[in-house]
Each structure stands twice: as structure tokens, then as C-alpha cells.
Protein backbone atom coordinates (compact mmCIF):
# COMPACT_ATOMS: atom_id res chain seq x y z
CA MET A 1 21.74 29.26 -13.09
CA ILE A 2 18.71 27.39 -14.45
CA LYS A 3 19.39 25.01 -17.32
CA PRO A 4 17.09 23.11 -19.70
CA GLY A 5 15.77 20.08 -17.81
CA ASP A 6 15.76 21.80 -14.40
CA THR A 7 12.52 21.77 -12.38
CA ILE A 8 11.50 24.16 -9.61
CA GLU A 9 8.28 24.04 -7.60
CA ASN A 10 6.50 26.69 -5.56
CA PRO A 11 5.00 24.96 -2.48
CA VAL A 12 2.70 27.90 -1.80
CA THR A 13 1.04 28.48 -5.19
CA GLY A 14 1.31 24.93 -6.49
CA GLU A 15 3.25 25.98 -9.60
CA ARG A 16 5.88 23.60 -11.05
CA PHE A 17 8.22 24.71 -13.85
CA THR A 18 10.30 22.28 -15.93
CA PHE A 19 12.47 24.35 -18.22
CA THR A 20 12.95 23.25 -21.83
CA HIS A 21 14.63 26.42 -23.17
CA THR A 22 16.28 29.16 -21.14
CA ALA A 23 17.58 32.63 -21.86
CA ALA A 24 21.13 31.22 -21.99
CA SER A 25 20.22 28.38 -24.37
CA THR A 26 18.37 30.70 -26.81
CA ASP A 27 20.54 33.84 -26.66
CA GLY A 28 17.74 35.57 -24.77
CA GLU A 29 15.12 34.99 -27.47
CA LEU A 30 12.91 32.50 -25.63
CA LEU A 31 12.07 31.04 -22.25
CA ALA A 32 10.01 27.86 -22.58
CA PHE A 33 8.84 25.49 -19.88
CA ASP A 34 6.35 22.78 -19.08
CA PHE A 35 4.11 24.16 -16.37
CA ALA A 36 1.96 22.24 -13.90
CA LEU A 37 -0.56 23.73 -11.50
CA ARG A 38 -2.30 21.81 -8.74
CA PRO A 39 -6.09 22.02 -8.28
CA GLY A 40 -6.90 25.35 -6.65
CA GLY A 41 -3.50 26.76 -7.65
CA ALA A 42 -3.23 30.22 -9.18
CA VAL A 43 -0.81 32.99 -10.03
CA PRO A 44 -0.80 35.29 -6.96
CA ILE A 45 -2.05 38.49 -8.62
CA PRO A 46 -2.97 39.84 -12.04
CA HIS A 47 0.13 41.26 -13.70
CA VAL A 48 1.51 42.80 -16.88
CA HIS A 49 4.61 41.93 -18.90
CA PRO A 50 5.63 45.28 -20.41
CA ILE A 51 7.71 43.93 -23.32
CA GLN A 52 7.16 40.17 -23.40
CA THR A 53 4.60 38.02 -25.19
CA GLU A 54 3.44 34.99 -23.20
CA ARG A 55 1.90 31.97 -24.92
CA PHE A 56 0.09 29.21 -23.00
CA GLU A 57 -0.92 25.89 -24.55
CA VAL A 58 -3.05 23.69 -22.28
CA THR A 59 -2.02 20.03 -22.56
CA GLU A 60 -4.00 18.56 -19.62
CA GLY A 61 -6.73 19.78 -17.30
CA ARG A 62 -8.77 22.94 -17.31
CA MET A 63 -7.51 26.51 -16.82
CA ARG A 64 -9.21 29.85 -16.26
CA PHE A 65 -7.42 32.83 -17.79
CA ARG A 66 -8.27 36.46 -17.29
CA VAL A 67 -6.81 38.40 -20.23
CA GLY A 68 -7.62 42.08 -20.12
CA LEU A 69 -11.35 42.19 -19.37
CA ARG A 70 -12.08 38.73 -20.83
CA THR A 71 -12.29 35.47 -18.90
CA VAL A 72 -11.49 32.35 -20.90
CA ILE A 73 -11.78 28.70 -19.87
CA ALA A 74 -9.09 26.72 -21.69
CA GLU A 75 -8.85 22.95 -22.11
CA PRO A 76 -6.35 20.64 -23.83
CA GLY A 77 -5.39 21.96 -27.25
CA ASP A 78 -6.43 25.55 -26.48
CA VAL A 79 -3.82 28.29 -26.86
CA ILE A 80 -3.94 31.63 -25.06
CA GLU A 81 -1.50 34.34 -26.17
CA VAL A 82 -1.00 37.45 -24.08
CA GLU A 83 0.55 40.45 -25.81
CA PRO A 84 2.90 42.86 -24.04
CA GLY A 85 1.16 45.37 -21.79
CA VAL A 86 -2.02 43.28 -21.29
CA MET A 87 -3.10 42.51 -17.73
CA HIS A 88 -3.62 38.81 -17.13
CA SER A 89 -3.91 36.12 -14.50
CA PHE A 90 -4.66 32.41 -14.48
CA ALA A 91 -5.77 29.58 -12.23
CA ASN A 92 -6.48 25.88 -12.34
CA ALA A 93 -10.23 25.63 -12.96
CA GLY A 94 -10.41 21.84 -12.64
CA ASP A 95 -10.25 19.05 -10.10
CA THR A 96 -6.95 17.61 -11.38
CA GLU A 97 -3.49 18.99 -12.01
CA ALA A 98 -3.40 21.23 -15.09
CA ARG A 99 -0.43 21.10 -17.45
CA LEU A 100 0.65 23.65 -20.01
CA ARG A 101 3.48 24.47 -22.37
CA VAL A 102 4.50 28.10 -21.87
CA GLU A 103 6.67 30.32 -24.07
CA VAL A 104 7.86 33.80 -23.12
CA ARG A 105 9.51 36.03 -25.74
CA PRO A 106 11.99 37.59 -25.16
CA ALA A 107 13.24 35.64 -22.15
CA LEU A 108 14.76 38.57 -20.23
CA ARG A 109 15.36 37.47 -16.59
CA MET A 110 12.05 35.66 -16.13
CA GLU A 111 13.59 32.34 -15.05
CA GLN A 112 15.66 34.13 -12.37
CA MET A 113 12.48 35.82 -11.14
CA PHE A 114 10.71 32.44 -10.90
CA ALA A 115 13.70 30.92 -9.08
CA GLU A 116 13.87 33.79 -6.59
CA VAL A 117 10.14 33.65 -5.85
CA VAL A 118 10.24 29.85 -5.42
CA ALA A 119 13.23 30.14 -3.06
CA MET A 120 11.32 32.68 -0.96
CA ALA A 121 8.28 30.38 -0.84
CA GLN A 122 10.42 27.41 0.18
CA ALA A 123 11.94 29.54 2.96
CA GLY A 124 8.48 30.43 4.32
CA ARG A 125 8.70 34.08 3.24
CA MET A 126 5.42 34.11 1.28
CA THR A 127 1.81 34.49 2.37
CA LYS A 128 -0.67 31.73 1.55
CA ARG A 129 -1.64 33.79 -1.53
CA GLY A 130 1.96 33.65 -2.79
CA LEU A 131 3.04 37.24 -2.11
CA PRO A 132 6.07 38.22 -0.02
CA ARG A 133 5.22 38.59 3.68
CA ASN A 134 7.64 41.47 3.93
CA PRO A 135 6.79 44.65 1.98
CA LEU A 136 10.52 45.33 1.54
CA ASP A 137 10.90 41.96 -0.24
CA LEU A 138 7.94 42.83 -2.46
CA ALA A 139 9.43 46.21 -3.32
CA THR A 140 12.85 44.71 -4.08
CA LEU A 141 11.36 41.98 -6.30
CA ALA A 142 9.19 44.49 -8.14
CA ARG A 143 12.16 46.78 -8.79
CA THR A 144 14.57 44.00 -9.74
CA TYR A 145 12.18 42.44 -12.24
CA GLU A 146 10.27 45.51 -13.44
CA LEU A 147 10.93 44.66 -17.11
CA GLU A 148 9.56 41.15 -16.61
CA ALA A 149 6.36 41.96 -14.73
CA HIS A 150 4.60 44.77 -12.92
CA ALA A 151 1.32 45.48 -11.19
CA PRO A 152 -1.70 46.16 -13.39
CA LEU A 153 -3.16 49.62 -13.92
CA MET A 154 0.16 51.41 -13.52
CA SER A 155 3.25 51.93 -15.62
CA VAL A 156 6.70 50.66 -14.70
CA GLY A 157 7.69 54.27 -13.98
CA LEU A 158 4.80 54.81 -11.57
CA GLN A 159 5.48 51.48 -9.84
CA ARG A 160 9.16 52.46 -9.52
CA ALA A 161 8.25 55.84 -8.01
CA LEU A 162 5.77 54.35 -5.53
CA LEU A 163 8.20 51.64 -4.39
CA ALA A 164 11.36 53.80 -4.31
CA PRO A 165 11.14 54.56 -0.56
CA LEU A 166 10.75 50.86 0.30
CA VAL A 167 13.59 49.83 -2.01
CA ALA A 168 15.85 52.44 -0.38
CA TRP A 169 14.77 51.30 3.07
CA ALA A 170 15.50 47.66 2.17
CA LYS A 171 19.11 48.64 1.37
CA HIS A 172 19.57 50.42 4.71
CA PRO A 173 21.83 48.61 7.24
CA ARG A 174 19.12 48.77 9.92
CA ALA A 175 16.37 47.47 7.64
CA GLY A 176 16.61 44.03 9.27
CA THR A 177 15.17 45.33 12.54
CA ALA A 178 12.27 47.02 10.78
CA VAL A 179 11.81 43.99 8.55
CA ALA A 180 11.35 41.76 11.58
CA ALA A 181 8.67 44.08 12.91
CA LEU A 182 6.91 44.35 9.53
CA GLY A 183 7.21 40.63 8.94
CA GLY A 184 5.49 39.94 12.25
CA LEU A 185 2.64 42.24 11.30
CA SER A 186 2.16 40.74 7.87
CA ILE A 187 2.20 37.21 9.30
CA LEU A 188 -0.74 38.19 11.50
CA ALA A 189 -2.50 39.76 8.53
CA GLY A 190 -2.29 36.86 6.28
């Protein structure tokens, strides 16, 4: 379980999270962390938080945010707030490490999602873009954390319906054999 003061780092995307407040320390009200992103680092894909508000305050460096259809360049002192249901993405737009203070309300299981994704990256299970190599892993992550984040341009229900066959397949005892075959294909692809 992540506690205030813990740091995790994604070696693939260049994201580093140092948690200041967790779901457990705030009774689920808030997840807050200091966030660092190396030059060229970015969140893997645009995404939507269906019921959470996310607030970013840039403290060092330069960030590019895409919020809905707007692109915003943010520098120290700038605050970007993303309301629930709004597609967004972000990247380091500078030549040095960018640092931000991030708040997510309510916390839900966001820190567990970050920890699981970082563990997969550390184990070599992510593409260079930061997405799971194995489509079954992607489907399982998407289903497990559907209240925290989902793909843009579709509802949680539609995402659930589209991924249901993969989630069921991932639970099958023989999925490991198919996973090995799929993993080999996705490694070649990217």
C-alpha cells in the first residue's frame, strides 16, 4: 500500500510520483503528489476521468496540456484544472525536467493504478509509448480501473463491452499460452 512520502517512477514514460496525500490518509477525498516528468516524457494516451477532477500546478519547467480541444502551454505558477469527463493529455514541453503538484478528487484507486502500471513498466511489460505490450493486460487494467480512467470518445459502458471478451480470455487458465503468442507479436509491432 502506498503511503505519504513514497515515490514510484515509471522508467518508460519518465513519470515520477512522490505521494503527499493518499486515499487512506484522506478518507478517500484526495490523492495528492509531487510529479516530475523528464524531457520528452508524456502520458501514454489521452484519457478521461469519469468522476474525478484533476488539478495540475506547474512548479518547474514547461508543460503542454491538451484539455478537450484546447492546447495550453503551462509554466511555473500556472494551474490547469480538468473537470470530470473531459479528455486530456500532457507532456513535458521543455528541455529540462518538469515538476508539478497534482491533486485528484476523489482519490478512488488512482494510486493503485499508478503503482500497477509502474510495476508493469519495471518488469518490461510496456511498449516504448507506455502501453501494455499484451492486449490482455490492457483490457484487465482498463476494466479494473474504469472509474479512474478510460479511453476518450467512449463511455465506460462501451469500453467495458468492447473489452469484455479480452477480460474473459485473460481469466482463462490457458490464457498464458495465447498471451505469449500475442506478446511476441506486440513486441515486434512496437
